[in-house]
Amino acid sequence: MQKFIIKGKKLKNWKSFHSEFKKEMNFPDYYGENMNAWIDCVDELTDEPTILQIDNGKYLKENEPELFNAILECGAFVNYRKIEVGEKPNLIIATDY
């Protein structure tokens, strides 16, 4: 099982959001820095069970709720997309909120 840790306090806006995820999850150089590209990159990384740990999730939820919700909603879609094609959903999102 692989695990990635994202520090919620570093996510201040969409630019820092995409920058942090690209760095911490080793997204490819061609990462498009939008949520469709985020979904595609996370989907590619979750062929095996994957934990996405969001530290300071409560802080993120209170200060940048749009970013917090994007992680949850798009993460759920990554799993849904796998189910649609007969694969196991492998993304586990954990946070301290």
Protein backbone atom coordinates (compact mmCIF):
# COMPACT_ATOMS: atom_id res chain seq x y z
CA MET A 1 0.00 0.00 0.00
CA GLN A 2 1.32 3.40 -0.90
CA LYS A 3 0.74 6.56 1.12
CA PHE A 4 0.96 10.24 0.28
CA ILE A 5 0.81 13.03 2.85
CA ILE A 6 -0.46 16.47 1.93
CA LYS A 7 -0.07 19.31 4.42
CA GLY A 8 -3.39 21.14 4.43
CA LYS A 9 -1.87 24.39 5.70
CA LYS A 10 0.20 24.64 2.52
CA LEU A 11 -2.91 24.73 0.34
CA LYS A 12 -3.75 28.44 0.20
CA ASN A 13 -5.19 28.74 -3.30
CA TRP A 14 -5.51 26.73 -6.51
CA LYS A 15 -1.90 27.42 -7.53
CA SER A 16 -0.48 26.07 -4.25
CA PHE A 17 -2.99 23.20 -4.33
CA HIS A 18 -1.75 21.95 -7.69
CA SER A 19 1.88 22.65 -6.86
CA GLU A 20 1.75 20.66 -3.61
CA PHE A 21 -0.06 17.70 -5.14
CA LYS A 22 2.33 17.63 -8.10
CA LYS A 23 5.32 17.65 -5.77
CA GLU A 24 4.05 15.25 -3.09
CA MET A 25 2.40 12.74 -5.42
CA ASN A 26 5.06 12.96 -8.13
CA PHE A 27 2.66 13.98 -10.88
CA PRO A 28 4.28 14.05 -14.33
CA ASP A 29 5.73 17.23 -15.81
CA TYR A 30 2.81 17.47 -18.23
CA TYR A 31 0.30 17.71 -15.34
CA GLY A 32 -2.27 20.27 -16.49
CA GLU A 33 -2.93 21.85 -13.06
CA ASN A 34 -6.71 21.52 -13.20
CA MET A 35 -9.08 19.09 -11.51
CA ASN A 36 -9.58 16.92 -14.59
CA ALA A 37 -5.81 16.43 -14.75
CA TRP A 38 -5.75 15.83 -10.95
CA ILE A 39 -8.35 13.07 -11.34
CA ASP A 40 -6.38 11.46 -14.18
CA CYS A 41 -3.07 11.55 -12.28
CA VAL A 42 -4.56 10.21 -9.05
CA ASP A 43 -6.38 7.51 -11.03
CA GLU A 44 -3.08 6.40 -12.58
CA LEU A 45 -1.44 6.23 -9.14
CA THR A 46 -4.17 4.10 -7.57
CA ASP A 47 -3.71 0.79 -9.32
CA GLU A 48 -2.86 -0.47 -5.84
CA PRO A 49 -4.46 0.61 -2.55
CA THR A 50 -3.41 4.19 -1.86
CA ILE A 51 -3.84 6.35 1.22
CA LEU A 52 -4.08 10.09 0.66
CA GLN A 53 -3.54 11.61 4.09
CA ILE A 54 -4.51 15.27 4.47
CA ASP A 55 -2.81 16.71 7.54
CA ASN A 56 -4.49 19.78 9.06
CA GLY A 57 -7.71 18.91 7.26
CA LYS A 58 -9.77 20.83 9.81
CA TYR A 59 -7.71 23.94 9.10
CA LEU A 60 -8.14 23.40 5.35
CA LYS A 61 -11.89 22.85 5.68
CA GLU A 62 -12.30 26.05 7.71
CA ASN A 63 -9.97 28.27 5.66
CA GLU A 64 -10.15 26.89 2.12
CA PRO A 65 -13.38 24.85 1.96
CA GLU A 66 -13.42 24.85 -1.85
CA LEU A 67 -10.04 23.11 -1.93
CA PHE A 68 -11.01 20.68 0.83
CA ASN A 69 -14.23 19.74 -0.96
CA ALA A 70 -12.39 19.33 -4.26
CA ILE A 71 -10.16 16.66 -2.70
CA LEU A 72 -13.14 14.74 -1.32
CA GLU A 73 -15.36 15.06 -4.38
CA CYS A 74 -12.69 14.35 -6.97
CA GLY A 75 -11.24 11.54 -4.86
CA ALA A 76 -14.68 9.96 -4.74
CA PHE A 77 -14.90 10.29 -8.51
CA VAL A 78 -11.54 8.51 -8.93
CA ASN A 79 -13.03 5.56 -7.06
CA TYR A 80 -16.33 5.74 -8.95
CA ARG A 81 -14.54 5.70 -12.29
CA LYS A 82 -12.72 2.51 -11.29
CA ILE A 83 -16.01 0.85 -10.27
CA GLU A 84 -17.55 1.79 -13.62
CA VAL A 85 -14.91 -0.23 -15.47
CA GLY A 86 -15.07 -3.20 -13.10
CA GLU A 87 -11.98 -2.37 -11.04
CA LYS A 88 -11.66 -2.07 -7.28
CA PRO A 89 -11.75 1.43 -5.82
CA ASN A 90 -8.32 1.94 -4.28
CA LEU A 91 -8.19 5.52 -3.01
CA ILE A 92 -8.55 6.04 0.72
CA ILE A 93 -8.68 9.64 1.91
CA ALA A 94 -7.86 10.24 5.56
CA THR A 95 -7.99 13.59 7.35
CA ASP A 96 -8.17 14.99 10.85
CA TYR A 97 -11.18 17.22 10.43
